[in-house]
Amino acid sequence: MKAEISIDHETKNVKLLLNWKDGNVGKRLTADEAENVVKLIEDAVQTAGREAFREWLMQSECREDVIVIGGKTYRFKMDSQKEFLTKLGAMTVSRRMFQQDTGGPTYMPLDVAWEMDGEFATREVRECVLYMSSLMIPAEVEECLQKATFGTMLIPTCCMMVLKRYWTFIIRWNIFPRVRKGFSASARRNRKRGIAKWRRCCSNMTMALSE
């Protein structure tokens, strides 16, 4: 089996073709080959989905060279690429960047319209990570997501990047030692209280994102 993806930028069509006869995957039925076939289909669907999503995003890109925001004039400066983390995987998007003639902060109309200004993970990814973090510690969340379909798009330290964006205390909590034999009773109590506080915080942030 092999997967082929074609994109027609004029008609905005993204086509996914799965060839059952060619390729090196799925030549015979075994448990391992079944797992490989599922992985191939999963990767192909996610790749096609990312391309389709990117094409859909770009149709809303600002095409003007001069825009006025809050009474201030911004001019097009350059195209700027950024990687976003979606449920379909990591996706690089080229956005048009604007800035005032006097310099200062830049403005990305696409990011603002998508509510991704200053963010790297989409809202559904953030909500998922925060929800699971209210039940488990970050290391366990990342390990759990890596075993799920949703986890195929995770990059190293993804969970921590999302969590640090919303709670700076996690920077300290992240190096809090695991409880091992020999730890004092006070250390165990402190860690238990820290985990409880951590879970409450993540739960509250998850509800805020869902509203």
N, C-alpha and C. Protein backbone atom coordinates (compact mmCIF):
# COMPACT_ATOMS: atom_id res chain seq x y z
N MET A 1 0.84 -1.20 0.00
CA MET A 1 0.00 0.00 0.00
C MET A 1 0.88 1.24 0.00
N LYS A 2 0.42 2.26 -0.68
CA LYS A 2 1.08 3.56 -0.62
C LYS A 2 0.04 4.65 -0.76
N ALA A 3 0.38 5.83 -0.26
CA ALA A 3 -0.56 6.96 -0.29
C ALA A 3 0.01 8.06 -1.16
N GLU A 4 -0.86 8.68 -1.95
CA GLU A 4 -0.47 9.80 -2.79
C GLU A 4 -1.44 10.96 -2.57
N ILE A 5 -0.87 12.15 -2.44
CA ILE A 5 -1.68 13.35 -2.20
C ILE A 5 -1.40 14.36 -3.31
N SER A 6 -2.46 14.89 -3.91
CA SER A 6 -2.32 15.91 -4.95
C SER A 6 -3.11 17.14 -4.55
N ILE A 7 -2.55 18.31 -4.88
CA ILE A 7 -3.18 19.58 -4.52
C ILE A 7 -3.32 20.43 -5.77
N ASP A 8 -4.52 20.92 -6.03
CA ASP A 8 -4.77 21.84 -7.13
C ASP A 8 -5.07 23.20 -6.52
N HIS A 9 -4.09 24.10 -6.58
CA HIS A 9 -4.24 25.40 -5.93
C HIS A 9 -5.27 26.30 -6.62
N GLU A 10 -5.54 26.03 -7.88
CA GLU A 10 -6.52 26.84 -8.60
C GLU A 10 -7.94 26.47 -8.22
N THR A 11 -8.22 25.18 -8.19
CA THR A 11 -9.58 24.72 -7.84
C THR A 11 -9.75 24.50 -6.35
N LYS A 12 -8.63 24.62 -5.60
CA LYS A 12 -8.66 24.42 -4.15
C LYS A 12 -9.08 23.00 -3.78
N ASN A 13 -8.64 22.04 -4.59
CA ASN A 13 -8.96 20.64 -4.32
C ASN A 13 -7.74 19.91 -3.78
N VAL A 14 -7.94 19.14 -2.72
CA VAL A 14 -6.90 18.29 -2.16
C VAL A 14 -7.40 16.85 -2.27
N LYS A 15 -6.64 16.01 -2.99
CA LYS A 15 -7.05 14.63 -3.22
C LYS A 15 -6.09 13.66 -2.55
N LEU A 16 -6.65 12.66 -1.90
CA LEU A 16 -5.87 11.61 -1.26
C LEU A 16 -6.17 10.29 -1.96
N LEU A 17 -5.14 9.64 -2.49
CA LEU A 17 -5.29 8.37 -3.19
C LEU A 17 -4.53 7.29 -2.43
N LEU A 18 -5.24 6.25 -2.02
CA LEU A 18 -4.63 5.11 -1.35
C LEU A 18 -4.58 3.95 -2.33
N ASN A 19 -3.37 3.53 -2.66
CA ASN A 19 -3.17 2.43 -3.60
C ASN A 19 -2.93 1.15 -2.80
N TRP A 20 -3.85 0.20 -2.93
CA TRP A 20 -3.79 -1.01 -2.11
C TRP A 20 -2.77 -2.04 -2.62
N LYS A 21 -2.37 -1.92 -3.90
CA LYS A 21 -1.51 -2.95 -4.50
C LYS A 21 -0.03 -2.60 -4.47
N ASP A 22 0.31 -1.33 -4.69
CA ASP A 22 1.71 -0.94 -4.75
C ASP A 22 2.25 -0.59 -3.37
N GLY A 23 3.55 -0.43 -3.31
CA GLY A 23 4.17 -0.06 -2.04
C GLY A 23 4.64 -1.27 -1.25
N ASN A 24 5.35 -0.99 -0.16
CA ASN A 24 5.94 -2.05 0.66
C ASN A 24 5.13 -2.38 1.91
N VAL A 25 4.10 -1.60 2.18
CA VAL A 25 3.31 -1.80 3.39
C VAL A 25 2.05 -2.60 3.08
N GLY A 26 1.71 -3.55 3.94
CA GLY A 26 0.46 -4.28 3.82
C GLY A 26 0.45 -5.39 2.79
N LYS A 27 1.60 -5.98 2.54
CA LYS A 27 1.65 -7.04 1.53
C LYS A 27 1.06 -8.35 2.05
N ARG A 28 1.06 -8.53 3.36
CA ARG A 28 0.44 -9.73 3.92
C ARG A 28 -0.18 -9.38 5.26
N LEU A 29 -1.14 -10.17 5.66
CA LEU A 29 -1.90 -9.88 6.87
C LEU A 29 -1.22 -10.45 8.11
N THR A 30 -0.71 -9.55 8.91
CA THR A 30 -0.18 -9.90 10.23
C THR A 30 -0.56 -8.77 11.17
N ALA A 31 -0.37 -9.00 12.45
CA ALA A 31 -0.70 -7.94 13.42
C ALA A 31 0.20 -6.73 13.21
N ASP A 32 1.48 -6.98 12.93
CA ASP A 32 2.41 -5.87 12.72
C ASP A 32 2.07 -5.10 11.45
N GLU A 33 1.74 -5.83 10.38
CA GLU A 33 1.41 -5.17 9.13
C GLU A 33 0.10 -4.38 9.24
N ALA A 34 -0.84 -4.92 10.01
CA ALA A 34 -2.10 -4.20 10.23
C ALA A 34 -1.83 -2.87 10.93
N GLU A 35 -0.92 -2.90 11.90
CA GLU A 35 -0.55 -1.68 12.60
C GLU A 35 0.14 -0.69 11.66
N ASN A 36 0.98 -1.20 10.78
CA ASN A 36 1.67 -0.34 9.81
C ASN A 36 0.70 0.29 8.82
N VAL A 37 -0.28 -0.50 8.38
CA VAL A 37 -1.28 0.02 7.43
C VAL A 37 -2.10 1.14 8.08
N VAL A 38 -2.50 0.92 9.32
CA VAL A 38 -3.27 1.95 10.04
C VAL A 38 -2.43 3.22 10.17
N LYS A 39 -1.15 3.06 10.49
CA LYS A 39 -0.26 4.21 10.64
C LYS A 39 -0.12 4.95 9.30
N LEU A 40 0.01 4.21 8.20
CA LEU A 40 0.14 4.83 6.89
C LEU A 40 -1.11 5.62 6.54
N ILE A 41 -2.28 5.01 6.76
CA ILE A 41 -3.54 5.70 6.46
C ILE A 41 -3.69 6.92 7.35
N GLU A 42 -3.36 6.77 8.62
CA GLU A 42 -3.47 7.89 9.57
C GLU A 42 -2.59 9.06 9.14
N ASP A 43 -1.34 8.77 8.78
CA ASP A 43 -0.42 9.82 8.35
C ASP A 43 -0.91 10.49 7.07
N ALA A 44 -1.42 9.68 6.14
CA ALA A 44 -1.90 10.22 4.87
C ALA A 44 -3.11 11.14 5.08
N VAL A 45 -4.02 10.69 5.92
CA VAL A 45 -5.23 11.50 6.19
C VAL A 45 -4.84 12.80 6.88
N GLN A 46 -3.91 12.73 7.83
CA GLN A 46 -3.48 13.94 8.53
C GLN A 46 -2.76 14.89 7.58
N THR A 47 -1.91 14.35 6.70
CA THR A 47 -1.21 15.20 5.74
C THR A 47 -2.19 15.89 4.80
N ALA A 48 -3.14 15.12 4.28
CA ALA A 48 -4.15 15.72 3.40
C ALA A 48 -4.97 16.75 4.16
N GLY A 49 -5.29 16.44 5.40
CA GLY A 49 -6.07 17.37 6.21
C GLY A 49 -5.33 18.67 6.47
N ARG A 50 -4.02 18.58 6.73
CA ARG A 50 -3.23 19.80 6.96
C ARG A 50 -3.19 20.67 5.71
N GLU A 51 -3.02 20.04 4.55
CA GLU A 51 -2.97 20.79 3.30
C GLU A 51 -4.31 21.47 3.02
N ALA A 52 -5.40 20.73 3.26
CA ALA A 52 -6.72 21.30 3.05
C ALA A 52 -6.98 22.46 4.02
N PHE A 53 -6.57 22.28 5.26
CA PHE A 53 -6.77 23.32 6.27
C PHE A 53 -5.95 24.55 5.94
N ARG A 54 -4.70 24.35 5.49
CA ARG A 54 -3.85 25.47 5.11
C ARG A 54 -4.46 26.25 3.95
N GLU A 55 -4.97 25.53 2.95
CA GLU A 55 -5.60 26.20 1.81
C GLU A 55 -6.82 27.00 2.26
N TRP A 56 -7.58 26.43 3.18
CA TRP A 56 -8.77 27.14 3.67
C TRP A 56 -8.36 28.39 4.43
N LEU A 57 -7.30 28.31 5.24
CA LEU A 57 -6.82 29.47 5.99
C LEU A 57 -6.37 30.58 5.05
N MET A 58 -5.60 30.23 4.04
CA MET A 58 -4.99 31.22 3.18
C MET A 58 -5.99 32.01 2.36
N GLN A 59 -7.18 31.47 2.18
CA GLN A 59 -8.18 32.22 1.42
C GLN A 59 -8.70 33.43 2.21
N SER A 60 -8.41 33.45 3.51
CA SER A 60 -8.82 34.57 4.35
C SER A 60 -7.67 35.54 4.63
N GLU A 61 -6.51 35.30 4.00
CA GLU A 61 -5.37 36.19 4.19
C GLU A 61 -5.65 37.57 3.63
N CYS A 62 -5.15 38.59 4.33
CA CYS A 62 -5.32 39.97 3.89
C CYS A 62 -4.46 40.23 2.65
N ARG A 63 -5.05 40.73 1.59
CA ARG A 63 -4.32 40.98 0.34
C ARG A 63 -3.95 42.45 0.16
N GLU A 64 -4.39 43.29 1.07
CA GLU A 64 -4.08 44.71 0.97
C GLU A 64 -2.63 44.96 1.40
N ASP A 65 -2.03 46.01 0.88
CA ASP A 65 -0.67 46.37 1.27
C ASP A 65 -0.63 47.43 2.36
N VAL A 66 -1.77 48.12 2.54
CA VAL A 66 -1.87 49.13 3.60
C VAL A 66 -3.18 48.91 4.34
N ILE A 67 -3.10 48.81 5.65
CA ILE A 67 -4.30 48.63 6.47
C ILE A 67 -4.26 49.61 7.63
N VAL A 68 -5.42 49.93 8.17
CA VAL A 68 -5.54 50.85 9.31
C VAL A 68 -6.14 50.09 10.48
N ILE A 69 -5.40 50.02 11.59
CA ILE A 69 -5.85 49.32 12.79
C ILE A 69 -5.81 50.28 13.96
N GLY A 70 -6.96 50.52 14.57
CA GLY A 70 -7.00 51.43 15.71
C GLY A 70 -6.53 52.82 15.37
N GLY A 71 -6.80 53.28 14.15
CA GLY A 71 -6.40 54.61 13.74
C GLY A 71 -4.94 54.72 13.33
N LYS A 72 -4.21 53.61 13.34
CA LYS A 72 -2.80 53.60 12.96
C LYS A 72 -2.62 52.87 11.63
N THR A 73 -1.74 53.40 10.80
CA THR A 73 -1.51 52.83 9.48
C THR A 73 -0.37 51.80 9.52
N TYR A 74 -0.67 50.64 9.02
CA TYR A 74 0.31 49.56 8.94
C TYR A 74 0.54 49.21 7.48
N ARG A 75 1.79 49.00 7.12
CA ARG A 75 2.13 48.64 5.75
C ARG A 75 2.72 47.23 5.70
N PHE A 76 2.46 46.57 4.57
CA PHE A 76 2.99 45.22 4.39
C PHE A 76 4.52 45.26 4.35
N LYS A 77 5.15 44.38 5.13
CA LYS A 77 6.61 44.35 5.20
C LYS A 77 7.18 43.09 4.54
N MET A 78 6.63 41.94 4.89
CA MET A 78 7.18 40.69 4.37
C MET A 78 6.25 39.53 4.72
N ASP A 79 6.51 38.39 4.10
CA ASP A 79 5.81 37.16 4.46
C ASP A 79 6.60 36.50 5.58
N SER A 80 5.90 36.08 6.60
CA SER A 80 6.55 35.46 7.77
C SER A 80 5.96 34.08 8.01
N GLN A 81 6.82 33.08 8.11
CA GLN A 81 6.37 31.72 8.34
C GLN A 81 6.36 31.39 9.82
N LYS A 82 5.36 30.61 10.21
CA LYS A 82 5.26 30.17 11.60
C LYS A 82 4.65 28.79 11.63
N GLU A 83 5.14 27.96 12.55
CA GLU A 83 4.60 26.62 12.70
C GLU A 83 3.52 26.62 13.77
N PHE A 84 2.36 26.11 13.42
CA PHE A 84 1.24 25.98 14.35
C PHE A 84 0.99 24.50 14.63
N LEU A 85 0.60 24.22 15.84
CA LEU A 85 0.30 22.84 16.23
C LEU A 85 -1.21 22.65 16.22
N THR A 86 -1.70 21.81 15.32
CA THR A 86 -3.13 21.53 15.19
C THR A 86 -3.40 20.07 15.52
N LYS A 87 -4.66 19.70 15.58
CA LYS A 87 -5.01 18.30 15.81
C LYS A 87 -4.62 17.43 14.62
N LEU A 88 -4.34 18.06 13.50
CA LEU A 88 -3.90 17.32 12.32
C LEU A 88 -2.38 17.25 12.24
N GLY A 89 -1.70 17.87 13.18
CA GLY A 89 -0.25 17.86 13.19
C GLY A 89 0.34 19.25 13.09
N ALA A 90 1.65 19.32 13.13
CA ALA A 90 2.34 20.61 13.00
C ALA A 90 2.24 21.10 11.56
N MET A 91 1.92 22.37 11.41
CA MET A 91 1.65 22.93 10.08
C MET A 91 2.29 24.30 9.97
N THR A 92 3.10 24.51 8.93
CA THR A 92 3.75 25.80 8.70
C THR A 92 2.88 26.66 7.80
N VAL A 93 2.65 27.89 8.24
CA VAL A 93 1.80 28.82 7.48
C VAL A 93 2.58 30.09 7.20
N SER A 94 2.52 30.56 5.98
CA SER A 94 3.17 31.82 5.60
C SER A 94 2.14 32.94 5.72
N ARG A 95 2.39 33.87 6.63
CA ARG A 95 1.43 34.98 6.86
C ARG A 95 2.03 36.30 6.41
N ARG A 96 1.16 37.21 6.05
CA ARG A 96 1.59 38.55 5.66
C ARG A 96 1.76 39.40 6.92
N MET A 97 2.95 39.99 7.06
CA MET A 97 3.28 40.76 8.26
C MET A 97 3.23 42.25 7.94
N PHE A 98 2.58 43.01 8.82
CA PHE A 98 2.44 44.46 8.65
C PHE A 98 3.11 45.18 9.82
N GLN A 99 3.55 46.40 9.54
CA GLN A 99 4.19 47.19 10.59
C GLN A 99 4.05 48.68 10.25
N GLN A 100 4.07 49.51 11.28
CA GLN A 100 4.02 50.95 11.03
C GLN A 100 5.35 51.44 10.47
N ASP A 101 5.33 52.58 9.79
CA ASP A 101 6.56 53.14 9.21
C ASP A 101 7.58 53.48 10.28
N THR A 102 7.08 53.79 11.47
CA THR A 102 7.98 54.16 12.57
C THR A 102 8.53 52.94 13.31
N GLY A 103 8.15 51.75 12.84
CA GLY A 103 8.58 50.52 13.51
C GLY A 103 7.60 50.10 14.59
N GLY A 104 8.08 49.39 15.56
CA GLY A 104 7.21 48.94 16.64
C GLY A 104 6.68 47.54 16.39
N PRO A 105 5.63 47.16 17.14
CA PRO A 105 5.07 45.81 17.03
C PRO A 105 4.55 45.51 15.62
N THR A 106 4.65 44.26 15.23
CA THR A 106 4.11 43.84 13.94
C THR A 106 2.66 43.40 14.11
N TYR A 107 1.97 43.28 12.99
CA TYR A 107 0.55 42.90 13.02
C TYR A 107 0.32 41.85 11.94
N MET A 108 -0.26 40.73 12.35
CA MET A 108 -0.56 39.63 11.44
C MET A 108 -2.08 39.47 11.35
N PRO A 109 -2.71 39.99 10.31
CA PRO A 109 -4.17 39.89 10.19
C PRO A 109 -4.69 38.47 10.27
N LEU A 110 -3.96 37.52 9.67
CA LEU A 110 -4.42 36.13 9.68
C LEU A 110 -4.42 35.56 11.09
N ASP A 111 -3.36 35.85 11.85
CA ASP A 111 -3.29 35.36 13.23
C ASP A 111 -4.40 35.93 14.09
N VAL A 112 -4.67 37.24 13.90
CA VAL A 112 -5.70 37.91 14.70
C VAL A 112 -7.08 37.35 14.37
N ALA A 113 -7.37 37.16 13.09
CA ALA A 113 -8.67 36.63 12.67
C ALA A 113 -8.89 35.21 13.19
N TRP A 114 -7.80 34.46 13.29
CA TRP A 114 -7.84 33.06 13.71
C TRP A 114 -7.70 32.92 15.22
N GLU A 115 -7.55 34.06 15.91
CA GLU A 115 -7.33 34.09 17.36
C GLU A 115 -6.09 33.28 17.74
N MET A 116 -5.05 33.38 16.90
CA MET A 116 -3.80 32.68 17.16
C MET A 116 -2.63 33.63 17.32
N ASP A 117 -2.93 34.91 17.55
CA ASP A 117 -1.88 35.90 17.75
C ASP A 117 -1.14 35.60 19.06
N GLY A 118 0.14 35.29 18.97
CA GLY A 118 0.92 34.96 20.15
C GLY A 118 0.79 33.52 20.60
N GLU A 119 0.03 32.71 19.87
CA GLU A 119 -0.16 31.30 20.23
C GLU A 119 0.57 30.42 19.22
N PHE A 120 0.86 29.19 19.63
CA PHE A 120 1.45 28.24 18.69
C PHE A 120 0.59 26.98 18.55
N ALA A 121 -0.24 26.70 19.55
CA ALA A 121 -1.13 25.55 19.51
C ALA A 121 -2.57 26.04 19.38
N THR A 122 -3.35 25.36 18.56
CA THR A 122 -4.73 25.77 18.34
C THR A 122 -5.54 25.56 19.62
N ARG A 123 -6.71 26.16 19.65
CA ARG A 123 -7.52 26.13 20.87
C ARG A 123 -7.88 24.71 21.29
N GLU A 124 -8.22 23.85 20.31
CA GLU A 124 -8.60 22.48 20.68
C GLU A 124 -7.42 21.69 21.22
N VAL A 125 -6.21 21.97 20.71
CA VAL A 125 -5.02 21.30 21.24
C VAL A 125 -4.75 21.78 22.66
N ARG A 126 -4.82 23.09 22.88
CA ARG A 126 -4.60 23.63 24.22
C ARG A 126 -5.61 23.07 25.21
N GLU A 127 -6.87 23.02 24.79
CA GLU A 127 -7.91 22.52 25.68
C GLU A 127 -7.68 21.06 26.04
N CYS A 128 -7.26 20.27 25.05
CA CYS A 128 -7.00 18.85 25.30
C CYS A 128 -5.85 18.67 26.28
N VAL A 129 -4.76 19.39 26.07
CA VAL A 129 -3.59 19.26 26.94
C VAL A 129 -3.92 19.71 28.36
N LEU A 130 -4.64 20.82 28.47
CA LEU A 130 -4.98 21.33 29.80
C LEU A 130 -5.94 20.39 30.53
N TYR A 131 -6.90 19.84 29.80
CA TYR A 131 -7.85 18.92 30.43
C TYR A 131 -7.13 17.68 30.96
N MET A 132 -6.27 17.09 30.12
CA MET A 132 -5.56 15.90 30.56
C MET A 132 -4.57 16.22 31.68
N SER A 133 -4.06 17.45 31.68
CA SER A 133 -3.11 17.85 32.72
C SER A 133 -3.80 18.04 34.06
N SER A 134 -5.13 18.17 34.04
CA SER A 134 -5.85 18.26 35.31
C SER A 134 -6.01 16.87 35.93
N LEU A 135 -5.69 15.83 35.15
CA LEU A 135 -5.81 14.46 35.63
C LEU A 135 -4.45 13.79 35.83
N MET A 136 -3.43 14.26 35.08
CA MET A 136 -2.11 13.64 35.14
C MET A 136 -1.04 14.72 35.14
N ILE A 137 0.19 14.32 35.48
CA ILE A 137 1.30 15.26 35.41
C ILE A 137 1.72 15.38 33.94
N PRO A 138 2.42 16.47 33.56
CA PRO A 138 2.77 16.72 32.15
C PRO A 138 3.47 15.56 31.45
N ALA A 139 4.42 14.92 32.13
CA ALA A 139 5.15 13.81 31.50
C ALA A 139 4.20 12.68 31.14
N GLU A 140 3.23 12.41 32.00
CA GLU A 140 2.26 11.35 31.73
C GLU A 140 1.30 11.76 30.62
N VAL A 141 0.95 13.04 30.57
CA VAL A 141 0.08 13.53 29.50
C VAL A 141 0.73 13.32 28.14
N GLU A 142 1.98 13.72 28.04
CA GLU A 142 2.69 13.59 26.76
C GLU A 142 2.82 12.13 26.36
N GLU A 143 3.11 11.26 27.33
CA GLU A 143 3.25 9.84 27.02
C GLU A 143 1.91 9.26 26.58
N CYS A 144 0.83 9.67 27.24
CA CYS A 144 -0.50 9.18 26.90
C CYS A 144 -0.91 9.63 25.50
N LEU A 145 -0.67 10.91 25.19
CA LEU A 145 -1.05 11.42 23.88
C LEU A 145 -0.22 10.79 22.77
N GLN A 146 1.02 10.45 23.06
CA GLN A 146 1.86 9.82 22.05
C GLN A 146 1.33 8.45 21.65
N LYS A 147 0.59 7.81 22.55
CA LYS A 147 0.05 6.49 22.27
C LYS A 147 -1.31 6.57 21.57
N ALA A 148 -1.87 7.76 21.52
CA ALA A 148 -3.17 7.94 20.88
C ALA A 148 -2.99 8.55 19.49
N THR A 149 -4.05 8.53 18.70
CA THR A 149 -4.00 9.13 17.37
C THR A 149 -3.65 10.59 17.46
N PHE A 150 -4.23 11.27 18.45
CA PHE A 150 -3.98 12.69 18.62
C PHE A 150 -2.52 12.96 18.92
N GLY A 151 -1.84 11.98 19.51
CA GLY A 151 -0.46 12.18 19.90
C GLY A 151 0.54 12.13 18.77
N THR A 152 0.11 11.71 17.57
CA THR A 152 1.07 11.61 16.47
C THR A 152 1.61 12.96 16.07
N MET A 153 0.91 14.02 16.43
CA MET A 153 1.37 15.35 16.03
C MET A 153 2.18 16.04 17.10
N LEU A 154 2.35 15.40 18.26
CA LEU A 154 3.05 16.06 19.35
C LEU A 154 4.54 16.15 19.09
N ILE A 155 5.11 17.28 19.44
CA ILE A 155 6.55 17.45 19.36
C ILE A 155 7.09 17.43 20.78
N PRO A 156 8.37 17.16 20.98
CA PRO A 156 8.92 17.12 22.34
C PRO A 156 8.63 18.41 23.10
N THR A 157 8.30 18.26 24.35
CA THR A 157 7.99 19.36 25.29
C THR A 157 6.75 20.15 24.88
N CYS A 158 5.94 19.59 23.97
CA CYS A 158 4.71 20.29 23.54
C CYS A 158 3.83 20.63 24.73
N CYS A 159 3.60 19.65 25.59
CA CYS A 159 2.73 19.88 26.74
C CYS A 159 3.26 21.02 27.60
N MET A 160 4.56 21.01 27.85
CA MET A 160 5.12 22.04 28.70
C MET A 160 5.01 23.42 28.04
N MET A 161 5.15 23.48 26.73
CA MET A 161 5.04 24.76 26.02
C MET A 161 3.63 25.32 26.15
N VAL A 162 2.64 24.45 26.05
CA VAL A 162 1.25 24.89 26.20
C VAL A 162 1.00 25.36 27.62
N LEU A 163 1.46 24.57 28.59
CA LEU A 163 1.19 24.88 29.98
C LEU A 163 1.91 26.13 30.46
N LYS A 164 3.15 26.32 30.03
CA LYS A 164 3.90 27.51 30.42
C LYS A 164 3.22 28.77 29.90
N ARG A 165 2.52 28.63 28.78
CA ARG A 165 1.82 29.77 28.19
C ARG A 165 0.72 30.27 29.11
N TYR A 166 0.16 29.37 29.94
CA TYR A 166 -0.97 29.73 30.78
C TYR A 166 -0.67 29.79 32.27
N TRP A 167 0.41 29.15 32.68
CA TRP A 167 0.69 29.16 34.11
C TRP A 167 2.19 29.13 34.31
N THR A 168 2.77 30.27 34.65
CA THR A 168 4.22 30.37 34.77
C THR A 168 4.75 29.54 35.94
N PHE A 169 3.89 29.22 36.89
CA PHE A 169 4.35 28.41 38.04
C PHE A 169 4.82 27.03 37.60
N ILE A 170 4.35 26.56 36.43
CA ILE A 170 4.73 25.23 35.97
C ILE A 170 6.23 25.14 35.74
N ILE A 171 6.87 26.28 35.47
CA ILE A 171 8.31 26.27 35.26
C ILE A 171 9.01 25.73 36.50
N ARG A 172 8.50 26.13 37.67
CA ARG A 172 9.05 25.63 38.92
C ARG A 172 8.55 24.23 39.20
N TRP A 173 7.26 23.99 38.94
CA TRP A 173 6.66 22.69 39.25
C TRP A 173 7.28 21.60 38.40
N ASN A 174 7.72 21.93 37.20
CA ASN A 174 8.25 20.93 36.27
C ASN A 174 9.50 20.25 36.83
N ILE A 175 10.27 20.97 37.65
CA ILE A 175 11.49 20.37 38.18
C ILE A 175 11.25 19.81 39.59
N PHE A 176 10.00 19.82 40.01
CA PHE A 176 9.69 19.26 41.32
C PHE A 176 9.95 17.76 41.27
N PRO A 177 10.74 17.21 42.13
CA PRO A 177 11.15 15.80 42.02
C PRO A 177 10.00 14.83 42.23
N ARG A 178 10.07 13.71 41.50
CA ARG A 178 9.11 12.63 41.73
C ARG A 178 9.36 12.03 43.12
N VAL A 179 8.31 11.51 43.70
CA VAL A 179 8.44 10.91 45.02
C VAL A 179 9.08 9.54 44.88
N ARG A 180 10.22 9.35 45.48
CA ARG A 180 10.92 8.08 45.45
C ARG A 180 11.19 7.62 46.89
N LYS A 181 11.63 6.42 47.01
CA LYS A 181 11.94 5.88 48.33
C LYS A 181 13.04 6.72 48.97
N GLY A 182 12.83 7.13 50.18
CA GLY A 182 13.84 7.93 50.85
C GLY A 182 13.45 9.39 50.98
N PHE A 183 12.42 9.82 50.22
CA PHE A 183 11.97 11.21 50.33
C PHE A 183 11.32 11.40 51.70
N SER A 184 11.48 12.58 52.24
CA SER A 184 10.91 12.85 53.56
C SER A 184 9.39 12.96 53.47
N ALA A 185 8.76 12.81 54.61
CA ALA A 185 7.29 12.90 54.66
C ALA A 185 6.83 14.30 54.26
N SER A 186 7.56 15.33 54.67
CA SER A 186 7.18 16.70 54.31
C SER A 186 7.27 16.91 52.80
N ALA A 187 8.30 16.32 52.17
CA ALA A 187 8.43 16.44 50.71
C ALA A 187 7.25 15.78 50.03
N ARG A 188 6.82 14.65 50.54
CA ARG A 188 5.66 13.96 49.96
C ARG A 188 4.40 14.81 50.11
N ARG A 189 4.21 15.42 51.28
CA ARG A 189 3.02 16.25 51.50
C ARG A 189 3.04 17.48 50.59
N ASN A 190 4.20 18.10 50.46
CA ASN A 190 4.31 19.28 49.59
C ASN A 190 4.01 18.93 48.14
N ARG A 191 4.53 17.79 47.71
CA ARG A 191 4.27 17.40 46.34
C ARG A 191 2.79 17.10 46.13
N LYS A 192 2.16 16.45 47.11
CA LYS A 192 0.75 16.14 47.01
C LYS A 192 -0.08 17.41 46.92
N ARG A 193 0.25 18.42 47.72
CA ARG A 193 -0.46 19.70 47.67
C ARG A 193 -0.21 20.40 46.33
N GLY A 194 1.04 20.30 45.84
CA GLY A 194 1.37 20.92 44.56
C GLY A 194 0.59 20.31 43.42
N ILE A 195 0.43 18.97 43.44
CA ILE A 195 -0.33 18.29 42.38
C ILE A 195 -1.79 18.70 42.44
N ALA A 196 -2.34 18.81 43.65
CA ALA A 196 -3.75 19.21 43.79
C ALA A 196 -3.95 20.62 43.25
N LYS A 197 -3.04 21.52 43.58
CA LYS A 197 -3.14 22.89 43.08
C LYS A 197 -3.00 22.91 41.56
N TRP A 198 -2.07 22.09 41.07
CA TRP A 198 -1.85 21.99 39.63
C TRP A 198 -3.11 21.55 38.90
N ARG A 199 -3.77 20.52 39.41
CA ARG A 199 -4.96 19.98 38.77
C ARG A 199 -6.11 20.99 38.79
N ARG A 200 -6.27 21.69 39.91
CA ARG A 200 -7.33 22.70 39.99
C ARG A 200 -7.09 23.81 38.96
N CYS A 201 -5.84 24.24 38.85
CA CYS A 201 -5.50 25.30 37.92
C CYS A 201 -5.77 24.88 36.48
N CYS A 202 -5.32 23.68 36.10
CA CYS A 202 -5.55 23.19 34.74
C CYS A 202 -7.03 23.03 34.45
N SER A 203 -7.78 22.54 35.44
CA SER A 203 -9.22 22.37 35.26
C SER A 203 -9.90 23.72 35.00
N ASN A 204 -9.50 24.75 35.75
CA ASN A 204 -10.07 26.08 35.57
C ASN A 204 -9.74 26.66 34.20
N MET A 205 -8.48 26.44 33.75
CA MET A 205 -8.08 26.97 32.45
C MET A 205 -8.81 26.24 31.32
N THR A 206 -9.06 24.95 31.50
CA THR A 206 -9.80 24.18 30.49
C THR A 206 -11.20 24.73 30.33
N MET A 207 -11.87 25.01 31.46
CA MET A 207 -13.22 25.55 31.41
C MET A 207 -13.24 26.93 30.77
N ALA A 208 -12.20 27.74 31.04
CA ALA A 208 -12.12 29.08 30.45
C ALA A 208 -11.98 29.01 28.94
N LEU A 209 -11.19 28.04 28.45
CA LEU A 209 -11.01 27.90 27.01
C LEU A 209 -12.29 27.42 26.33
N SER A 210 -13.07 26.64 27.06
CA SER A 210 -14.30 26.06 26.48
C SER A 210 -15.42 27.07 26.37
N GLU A 211 -15.35 28.14 27.14
CA GLU A 211 -16.44 29.13 27.15
C GLU A 211 -16.44 29.96 25.87
